[in-house]
Amino acid sequence: MDFGVSNAAMGADQHTGRAQEASDAEKLENFKKEVWNEINSMPWGANASIQITDDAFRKMMEDSEFKNKIMKIIREDAIYQMTLNDFKTK
């Protein structure tokens, strides 16, 4: 049965799909680096552990309101840790 699609065209579509996946993966990695740079620039007063899943990074990348909310929470925690550390050293 002939559907009017050649193997070459199907192969090109598969290649384009893989290229799009690679491009999306690169975008995600670049976005993650930006977010981690922002987090690392915050004034942490103590050791802190932050874990962000790839799904959360994807959601932040797609939804700026969600990203702003998450970054606000992290920023507030950094300030709290800094204040707590200052209090302990006095």
PDB file of N, CA and C in Angstrom:
ATOM      1  N   MET A   1       0.844  -1.168   0.000  1.00  0.00           N
ATOM      2  CA  MET A   1       0.000   0.000   0.000  1.00  0.00           C
ATOM      3  C   MET A   1       0.895   1.238   0.000  1.00  0.00           C
ATOM      4  N   ASP A   2       0.568   2.228  -0.813  1.00  0.00           N
ATOM      5  CA  ASP A   2       1.371   3.436  -0.922  1.00  0.00           C
ATOM      6  C   ASP A   2       0.610   4.598  -0.307  1.00  0.00           C
ATOM      7  N   PHE A   3       1.193   5.204   0.714  1.00  0.00           N
ATOM      8  CA  PHE A   3       0.566   6.348   1.378  1.00  0.00           C
ATOM      9  C   PHE A   3       1.135   7.673   0.875  1.00  0.00           C
ATOM     10  N   GLY A   4       2.011   7.636  -0.117  1.00  0.00           N
ATOM     11  CA  GLY A   4       2.564   8.850  -0.684  1.00  0.00           C
ATOM     12  C   GLY A   4       3.685   9.453   0.150  1.00  0.00           C
ATOM     13  N   VAL A   5       4.220   8.666   1.061  1.00  0.00           N
ATOM     14  CA  VAL A   5       5.320   9.152   1.897  1.00  0.00           C
ATOM     15  C   VAL A   5       6.513   8.254   1.643  1.00  0.00           C
ATOM     16  N   SER A   6       7.590   8.851   1.202  1.00  0.00           N
ATOM     17  CA  SER A   6       8.769   8.047   0.906  1.00  0.00           C
ATOM     18  C   SER A   6       9.539   7.771   2.190  1.00  0.00           C
ATOM     19  N   ASN A   7      10.373   6.751   2.142  1.00  0.00           N
ATOM     20  CA  ASN A   7      11.230   6.442   3.281  1.00  0.00           C
ATOM     21  C   ASN A   7      12.160   7.613   3.597  1.00  0.00           C
ATOM     22  N   ALA A   8      12.610   8.317   2.573  1.00  0.00           N
ATOM     23  CA  ALA A   8      13.498   9.459   2.794  1.00  0.00           C
ATOM     24  C   ALA A   8      12.770  10.557   3.569  1.00  0.00           C
ATOM     25  N   ALA A   9      11.511  10.799   3.200  1.00  0.00           N
ATOM     26  CA  ALA A   9      10.738  11.828   3.907  1.00  0.00           C
ATOM     27  C   ALA A   9      10.481  11.400   5.339  1.00  0.00           C
ATOM     28  N   MET A  10      10.175  10.121   5.534  1.00  0.00           N
ATOM     29  CA  MET A  10       9.941   9.636   6.900  1.00  0.00           C
ATOM     30  C   MET A  10      11.221   9.749   7.710  1.00  0.00           C
ATOM     31  N   GLY A  11      12.353   9.430   7.102  1.00  0.00           N
ATOM     32  CA  GLY A  11      13.636   9.536   7.792  1.00  0.00           C
ATOM     33  C   GLY A  11      13.945  10.977   8.153  1.00  0.00           C
ATOM     34  N   ALA A  12      13.613  11.896   7.258  1.00  0.00           N
ATOM     35  CA  ALA A  12      13.846  13.317   7.534  1.00  0.00           C
ATOM     36  C   ALA A  12      12.979  13.779   8.697  1.00  0.00           C
ATOM     37  N   ASP A  13      11.725  13.312   8.742  1.00  0.00           N
ATOM     38  CA  ASP A  13      10.844  13.668   9.852  1.00  0.00           C
ATOM     39  C   ASP A  13      11.390  13.134  11.169  1.00  0.00           C
ATOM     40  N   GLN A  14      11.903  11.917  11.156  1.00  0.00           N
ATOM     41  CA  GLN A  14      12.470  11.343  12.372  1.00  0.00           C
ATOM     42  C   GLN A  14      13.711  12.123  12.787  1.00  0.00           C
ATOM     43  N   HIS A  15      14.537  12.512  11.813  1.00  0.00           N
ATOM     44  CA  HIS A  15      15.741  13.290  12.112  1.00  0.00           C
ATOM     45  C   HIS A  15      15.359  14.652  12.690  1.00  0.00           C
ATOM     46  N   THR A  16      14.346  15.292  12.104  1.00  0.00           N
ATOM     47  CA  THR A  16      13.878  16.583  12.598  1.00  0.00           C
ATOM     48  C   THR A  16      13.350  16.445  14.014  1.00  0.00           C
ATOM     49  N   GLY A  17      12.646  15.364  14.290  1.00  0.00           N
ATOM     50  CA  GLY A  17      12.133  15.118  15.642  1.00  0.00           C
ATOM     51  C   GLY A  17      13.259  14.968  16.640  1.00  0.00           C
ATOM     52  N   ARG A  18      14.310  14.249  16.274  1.00  0.00           N
ATOM     53  CA  ARG A  18      15.468  14.084  17.170  1.00  0.00           C
ATOM     54  C   ARG A  18      16.181  15.413  17.365  1.00  0.00           C
ATOM     55  N   ALA A  19      16.284  16.207  16.297  1.00  0.00           N
ATOM     56  CA  ALA A  19      16.935  17.513  16.399  1.00  0.00           C
ATOM     57  C   ALA A  19      16.130  18.425  17.321  1.00  0.00           C
ATOM     58  N   GLN A  20      14.795  18.355  17.221  1.00  0.00           N
ATOM     59  CA  GLN A  20      13.932  19.161  18.093  1.00  0.00           C
ATOM     60  C   GLN A  20      14.101  18.730  19.543  1.00  0.00           C
ATOM     61  N   GLU A  21      14.186  17.410  19.787  1.00  0.00           N
ATOM     62  CA  GLU A  21      14.401  16.915  21.140  1.00  0.00           C
ATOM     63  C   GLU A  21      15.734  17.417  21.688  1.00  0.00           C
ATOM     64  N   ALA A  22      16.769  17.388  20.854  1.00  0.00           N
ATOM     65  CA  ALA A  22      18.087  17.866  21.282  1.00  0.00           C
ATOM     66  C   ALA A  22      18.019  19.353  21.574  1.00  0.00           C
ATOM     67  N   SER A  23      17.333  20.096  20.727  1.00  0.00           N
ATOM     68  CA  SER A  23      17.197  21.526  20.925  1.00  0.00           C
ATOM     69  C   SER A  23      16.439  21.812  22.227  1.00  0.00           C
ATOM     70  N   ASP A  24      15.368  21.077  22.487  1.00  0.00           N
ATOM     71  CA  ASP A  24      14.606  21.241  23.725  1.00  0.00           C
ATOM     72  C   ASP A  24      15.462  20.895  24.934  1.00  0.00           C
ATOM     73  N   ALA A  25      16.264  19.852  24.819  1.00  0.00           N
ATOM     74  CA  ALA A  25      17.150  19.458  25.914  1.00  0.00           C
ATOM     75  C   ALA A  25      18.195  20.539  26.170  1.00  0.00           C
ATOM     76  N   GLU A  26      18.726  21.122  25.092  1.00  0.00           N
ATOM     77  CA  GLU A  26      19.701  22.207  25.240  1.00  0.00           C
ATOM     78  C   GLU A  26      19.066  23.426  25.898  1.00  0.00           C
ATOM     79  N   LYS A  27      17.848  23.751  25.494  1.00  0.00           N
ATOM     80  CA  LYS A  27      17.132  24.880  26.090  1.00  0.00           C
ATOM     81  C   LYS A  27      16.934  24.643  27.586  1.00  0.00           C
ATOM     82  N   LEU A  28      16.547  23.424  27.942  1.00  0.00           N
ATOM     83  CA  LEU A  28      16.336  23.090  29.346  1.00  0.00           C
ATOM     84  C   LEU A  28      17.643  23.210  30.122  1.00  0.00           C
ATOM     85  N   GLU A  29      18.729  22.687  29.574  1.00  0.00           N
ATOM     86  CA  GLU A  29      20.024  22.770  30.261  1.00  0.00           C
ATOM     87  C   GLU A  29      20.466  24.215  30.445  1.00  0.00           C
ATOM     88  N   ASN A  30      20.281  25.037  29.427  1.00  0.00           N
ATOM     89  CA  ASN A  30      20.638  26.458  29.530  1.00  0.00           C
ATOM     90  C   ASN A  30      19.778  27.164  30.571  1.00  0.00           C
ATOM     91  N   PHE A  31      18.496  26.841  30.590  1.00  0.00           N
ATOM     92  CA  PHE A  31      17.587  27.430  31.567  1.00  0.00           C
ATOM     93  C   PHE A  31      17.987  27.016  32.980  1.00  0.00           C
ATOM     94  N   LYS A  32      18.322  25.746  33.157  1.00  0.00           N
ATOM     95  CA  LYS A  32      18.749  25.259  34.472  1.00  0.00           C
ATOM     96  C   LYS A  32      19.995  26.002  34.943  1.00  0.00           C
ATOM     97  N   LYS A  33      20.942  26.221  34.039  1.00  0.00           N
ATOM     98  CA  LYS A  33      22.161  26.957  34.394  1.00  0.00           C
ATOM     99  C   LYS A  33      21.826  28.368  34.853  1.00  0.00           C
ATOM    100  N   GLU A  34      20.914  29.032  34.137  1.00  0.00           N
ATOM    101  CA  GLU A  34      20.511  30.388  34.516  1.00  0.00           C
ATOM    102  C   GLU A  34      19.899  30.405  35.916  1.00  0.00           C
ATOM    103  N   VAL A  35      19.017  29.459  36.180  1.00  0.00           N
ATOM    104  CA  VAL A  35      18.349  29.404  37.484  1.00  0.00           C
ATOM    105  C   VAL A  35      19.360  29.113  38.585  1.00  0.00           C
ATOM    106  N   TRP A  36      20.248  28.133  38.362  1.00  0.00           N
ATOM    107  CA  TRP A  36      21.255  27.809  39.378  1.00  0.00           C
ATOM    108  C   TRP A  36      22.201  28.988  39.611  1.00  0.00           C
ATOM    109  N   ASN A  37      22.546  29.721  38.554  1.00  0.00           N
ATOM    110  CA  ASN A  37      23.384  30.913  38.730  1.00  0.00           C
ATOM    111  C   ASN A  37      22.687  31.941  39.605  1.00  0.00           C
ATOM    112  N   GLU A  38      21.388  32.112  39.376  1.00  0.00           N
ATOM    113  CA  GLU A  38      20.622  33.046  40.200  1.00  0.00           C
ATOM    114  C   GLU A  38      20.573  32.577  41.654  1.00  0.00           C
ATOM    115  N   ILE A  39      20.344  31.293  41.863  1.00  0.00           N
ATOM    116  CA  ILE A  39      20.289  30.743  43.223  1.00  0.00           C
ATOM    117  C   ILE A  39      21.650  30.870  43.899  1.00  0.00           C
ATOM    118  N   ASN A  40      22.708  30.550  43.169  1.00  0.00           N
ATOM    119  CA  ASN A  40      24.057  30.617  43.749  1.00  0.00           C
ATOM    120  C   ASN A  40      24.489  32.039  44.080  1.00  0.00           C
ATOM    121  N   SER A  41      23.865  33.025  43.445  1.00  0.00           N
ATOM    122  CA  SER A  41      24.223  34.417  43.728  1.00  0.00           C
ATOM    123  C   SER A  41      23.501  34.961  44.967  1.00  0.00           C
ATOM    124  N   MET A  42      22.582  34.180  45.509  1.00  0.00           N
ATOM    125  CA  MET A  42      21.842  34.621  46.695  1.00  0.00           C
ATOM    126  C   MET A  42      22.730  34.520  47.936  1.00  0.00           C
ATOM    127  N   PRO A  43      22.498  35.395  48.916  1.00  0.00           N
ATOM    128  CA  PRO A  43      23.345  35.423  50.122  1.00  0.00           C
ATOM    129  C   PRO A  43      22.973  34.331  51.122  1.00  0.00           C
ATOM    130  N   TRP A  44      23.501  33.155  50.914  1.00  0.00           N
ATOM    131  CA  TRP A  44      23.196  32.040  51.812  1.00  0.00           C
ATOM    132  C   TRP A  44      24.069  32.144  53.054  1.00  0.00           C
ATOM    133  N   GLY A  45      23.450  32.075  54.227  1.00  0.00           N
ATOM    134  CA  GLY A  45      24.193  32.188  55.469  1.00  0.00           C
ATOM    135  C   GLY A  45      24.581  30.845  56.048  1.00  0.00           C
ATOM    136  N   ALA A  46      24.100  29.785  55.498  1.00  0.00           N
ATOM    137  CA  ALA A  46      24.398  28.443  56.008  1.00  0.00           C
ATOM    138  C   ALA A  46      24.326  27.475  54.833  1.00  0.00           C
ATOM    139  N   ASN A  47      24.730  26.259  55.104  1.00  0.00           N
ATOM    140  CA  ASN A  47      24.608  25.237  54.069  1.00  0.00           C
ATOM    141  C   ASN A  47      23.130  24.979  53.807  1.00  0.00           C
ATOM    142  N   ALA A  48      22.786  24.922  52.565  1.00  0.00           N
ATOM    143  CA  ALA A  48      21.408  24.664  52.179  1.00  0.00           C
ATOM    144  C   ALA A  48      21.402  23.644  51.060  1.00  0.00           C
ATOM    145  N   SER A  49      20.361  22.873  51.009  1.00  0.00           N
ATOM    146  CA  SER A  49      20.201  21.891  49.954  1.00  0.00           C
ATOM    147  C   SER A  49      18.916  22.196  49.201  1.00  0.00           C
ATOM    148  N   ILE A  50      19.061  22.439  47.930  1.00  0.00           N
ATOM    149  CA  ILE A  50      17.906  22.734  47.085  1.00  0.00           C
ATOM    150  C   ILE A  50      17.860  21.678  45.996  1.00  0.00           C
ATOM    151  N   GLN A  51      16.719  21.060  45.870  1.00  0.00           N
ATOM    152  CA  GLN A  51      16.543  20.057  44.825  1.00  0.00           C
ATOM    153  C   GLN A  51      15.383  20.484  43.940  1.00  0.00           C
ATOM    154  N   ILE A  52      15.644  20.575  42.655  1.00  0.00           N
ATOM    155  CA  ILE A  52      14.624  20.962  41.683  1.00  0.00           C
ATOM    156  C   ILE A  52      14.590  19.890  40.601  1.00  0.00           C
ATOM    157  N   THR A  53      13.439  19.300  40.399  1.00  0.00           N
ATOM    158  CA  THR A  53      13.318  18.250  39.385  1.00  0.00           C
ATOM    159  C   THR A  53      13.291  18.860  37.989  1.00  0.00           C
ATOM    160  N   ASP A  54      13.588  18.040  37.000  1.00  0.00           N
ATOM    161  CA  ASP A  54      13.516  18.504  35.612  1.00  0.00           C
ATOM    162  C   ASP A  54      12.091  18.942  35.270  1.00  0.00           C
ATOM    163  N   ASP A  55      11.085  18.239  35.823  1.00  0.00           N
ATOM    164  CA  ASP A  55       9.704  18.642  35.566  1.00  0.00           C
ATOM    165  C   ASP A  55       9.426  20.038  36.105  1.00  0.00           C
ATOM    166  N   ALA A  56       9.969  20.355  37.284  1.00  0.00           N
ATOM    167  CA  ALA A  56       9.780  21.694  37.849  1.00  0.00           C
ATOM    168  C   ALA A  56      10.515  22.734  37.004  1.00  0.00           C
ATOM    169  N   PHE A  57      11.721  22.394  36.536  1.00  0.00           N
ATOM    170  CA  PHE A  57      12.436  23.321  35.646  1.00  0.00           C
ATOM    171  C   PHE A  57      11.631  23.561  34.374  1.00  0.00           C
ATOM    172  N   ARG A  58      11.075  22.508  33.804  1.00  0.00           N
ATOM    173  CA  ARG A  58      10.275  22.661  32.578  1.00  0.00           C
ATOM    174  C   ARG A  58       9.078  23.572  32.833  1.00  0.00           C
ATOM    175  N   LYS A  59       8.408  23.361  33.975  1.00  0.00           N
ATOM    176  CA  LYS A  59       7.251  24.191  34.301  1.00  0.00           C
ATOM    177  C   LYS A  59       7.683  25.649  34.493  1.00  0.00           C
ATOM    178  N   MET A  60       8.816  25.879  35.153  1.00  0.00           N
ATOM    179  CA  MET A  60       9.311  27.242  35.333  1.00  0.00           C
ATOM    180  C   MET A  60       9.643  27.875  33.979  1.00  0.00           C
ATOM    181  N   MET A  61      10.185  27.066  33.076  1.00  0.00           N
ATOM    182  CA  MET A  61      10.566  27.565  31.758  1.00  0.00           C
ATOM    183  C   MET A  61       9.319  27.976  30.960  1.00  0.00           C
ATOM    184  N   GLU A  62       8.235  27.239  31.154  1.00  0.00           N
ATOM    185  CA  GLU A  62       7.007  27.494  30.403  1.00  0.00           C
ATOM    186  C   GLU A  62       6.097  28.522  31.077  1.00  0.00           C
ATOM    187  N   ASP A  63       6.202  28.658  32.404  1.00  0.00           N
ATOM    188  CA  ASP A  63       5.270  29.495  33.165  1.00  0.00           C
ATOM    189  C   ASP A  63       6.057  30.468  34.039  1.00  0.00           C
ATOM    190  N   SER A  64       6.203  31.699  33.572  1.00  0.00           N
ATOM    191  CA  SER A  64       7.016  32.675  34.300  1.00  0.00           C
ATOM    192  C   SER A  64       6.429  33.006  35.670  1.00  0.00           C
ATOM    193  N   GLU A  65       5.117  32.940  35.809  1.00  0.00           N
ATOM    194  CA  GLU A  65       4.498  33.189  37.116  1.00  0.00           C
ATOM    195  C   GLU A  65       4.922  32.113  38.121  1.00  0.00           C
ATOM    196  N   PHE A  66       4.943  30.867  37.675  1.00  0.00           N
ATOM    197  CA  PHE A  66       5.386  29.767  38.532  1.00  0.00           C
ATOM    198  C   PHE A  66       6.857  29.948  38.901  1.00  0.00           C
ATOM    199  N   LYS A  67       7.683  30.320  37.911  1.00  0.00           N
ATOM    200  CA  LYS A  67       9.109  30.540  38.172  1.00  0.00           C
ATOM    201  C   LYS A  67       9.291  31.639  39.212  1.00  0.00           C
ATOM    202  N   ASN A  68       8.576  32.744  39.039  1.00  0.00           N
ATOM    203  CA  ASN A  68       8.697  33.850  39.981  1.00  0.00           C
ATOM    204  C   ASN A  68       8.302  33.427  41.393  1.00  0.00           C
ATOM    205  N   LYS A  69       7.255  32.623  41.496  1.00  0.00           N
ATOM    206  CA  LYS A  69       6.795  32.145  42.802  1.00  0.00           C
ATOM    207  C   LYS A  69       7.864  31.259  43.459  1.00  0.00           C
ATOM    208  N   ILE A  70       8.428  30.332  42.709  1.00  0.00           N
ATOM    209  CA  ILE A  70       9.443  29.420  43.236  1.00  0.00           C
ATOM    210  C   ILE A  70      10.700  30.192  43.621  1.00  0.00           C
ATOM    211  N   MET A  71      11.137  31.108  42.760  1.00  0.00           N
ATOM    212  CA  MET A  71      12.342  31.873  43.062  1.00  0.00           C
ATOM    213  C   MET A  71      12.137  32.780  44.273  1.00  0.00           C
ATOM    214  N   LYS A  72      10.927  33.292  44.457  1.00  0.00           N
ATOM    215  CA  LYS A  72      10.622  34.104  45.639  1.00  0.00           C
ATOM    216  C   LYS A  72      10.759  33.266  46.904  1.00  0.00           C
ATOM    217  N   ILE A  73      10.246  32.051  46.865  1.00  0.00           N
ATOM    218  CA  ILE A  73      10.344  31.151  48.020  1.00  0.00           C
ATOM    219  C   ILE A  73      11.811  30.850  48.328  1.00  0.00           C
ATOM    220  N   ILE A  74      12.586  30.564  47.306  1.00  0.00           N
ATOM    221  CA  ILE A  74      14.009  30.249  47.498  1.00  0.00           C
ATOM    222  C   ILE A  74      14.746  31.477  48.025  1.00  0.00           C
ATOM    223  N   ARG A  75      14.453  32.642  47.462  1.00  0.00           N
ATOM    224  CA  ARG A  75      15.084  33.888  47.914  1.00  0.00           C
ATOM    225  C   ARG A  75      14.764  34.155  49.384  1.00  0.00           C
ATOM    226  N   GLU A  76      13.495  33.974  49.769  1.00  0.00           N
ATOM    227  CA  GLU A  76      13.096  34.172  51.162  1.00  0.00           C
ATOM    228  C   GLU A  76      13.822  33.202  52.085  1.00  0.00           C
ATOM    229  N   ASP A  77      13.998  31.970  51.635  1.00  0.00           N
ATOM    230  CA  ASP A  77      14.721  30.983  52.433  1.00  0.00           C
ATOM    231  C   ASP A  77      16.187  31.377  52.589  1.00  0.00           C
ATOM    232  N   ALA A  78      16.776  31.894  51.524  1.00  0.00           N
ATOM    233  CA  ALA A  78      18.175  32.343  51.592  1.00  0.00           C
ATOM    234  C   ALA A  78      18.311  33.463  52.611  1.00  0.00           C
ATOM    235  N   ILE A  79      17.382  34.414  52.589  1.00  0.00           N
ATOM    236  CA  ILE A  79      17.423  35.530  53.536  1.00  0.00           C
ATOM    237  C   ILE A  79      17.240  35.013  54.960  1.00  0.00           C
ATOM    238  N   TYR A  80      16.323  34.081  55.148  1.00  0.00           N
ATOM    239  CA  TYR A  80      16.098  33.500  56.478  1.00  0.00           C
ATOM    240  C   TYR A  80      17.365  32.795  56.973  1.00  0.00           C
ATOM    241  N   GLN A  81      17.992  32.005  56.099  1.00  0.00           N
ATOM    242  CA  GLN A  81      19.219  31.300  56.476  1.00  0.00           C
ATOM    243  C   GLN A  81      20.319  32.293  56.857  1.00  0.00           C
ATOM    244  N   MET A  82      20.415  33.379  56.112  1.00  0.00           N
ATOM    245  CA  MET A  82      21.419  34.405  56.387  1.00  0.00           C
ATOM    246  C   MET A  82      21.144  35.044  57.754  1.00  0.00           C
ATOM    247  N   THR A  83      19.883  35.388  58.007  1.00  0.00           N
ATOM    248  CA  THR A  83      19.495  36.006  59.275  1.00  0.00           C
ATOM    249  C   THR A  83      19.733  35.049  60.432  1.00  0.00           C
ATOM    250  N   LEU A  84      19.368  33.796  60.260  1.00  0.00           N
ATOM    251  CA  LEU A  84      19.564  32.789  61.294  1.00  0.00           C
ATOM    252  C   LEU A  84      21.045  32.621  61.599  1.00  0.00           C
ATOM    253  N   ASN A  85      21.864  32.578  60.585  1.00  0.00           N
ATOM    254  CA  ASN A  85      23.307  32.436  60.772  1.00  0.00           C
ATOM    255  C   ASN A  85      23.880  33.649  61.506  1.00  0.00           C
ATOM    256  N   ASP A  86      23.422  34.853  61.139  1.00  0.00           N
ATOM    257  CA  ASP A  86      23.871  36.062  61.821  1.00  0.00           C
ATOM    258  C   ASP A  86      23.487  36.034  63.302  1.00  0.00           C
ATOM    259  N   PHE A  87      22.288  35.570  63.592  1.00  0.00           N
ATOM    260  CA  PHE A  87      21.804  35.504  64.978  1.00  0.00           C
ATOM    261  C   PHE A  87      22.646  34.522  65.791  1.00  0.00           C
ATOM    262  N   LYS A  88      22.984  33.382  65.187  1.00  0.00           N
ATOM    263  CA  LYS A  88      23.767  32.360  65.902  1.00  0.00           C
ATOM    264  C   LYS A  88      25.179  32.826  66.204  1.00  0.00           C
ATOM    265  N   THR A  89      25.738  33.685  65.357  1.00  0.00           N
ATOM    266  CA  THR A  89      27.118  34.110  65.554  1.00  0.00           C
ATOM    267  C   THR A  89      27.230  35.272  66.544  1.00  0.00           C
ATOM    268  N   LYS A  90      26.123  35.805  67.001  1.00  0.00           N
ATOM    269  CA  LYS A  90      26.166  36.928  67.963  1.00  0.00           C
ATOM    270  C   LYS A  90      26.069  36.451  69.378  1.00  0.00           C
TER     271      LYS A  90
END
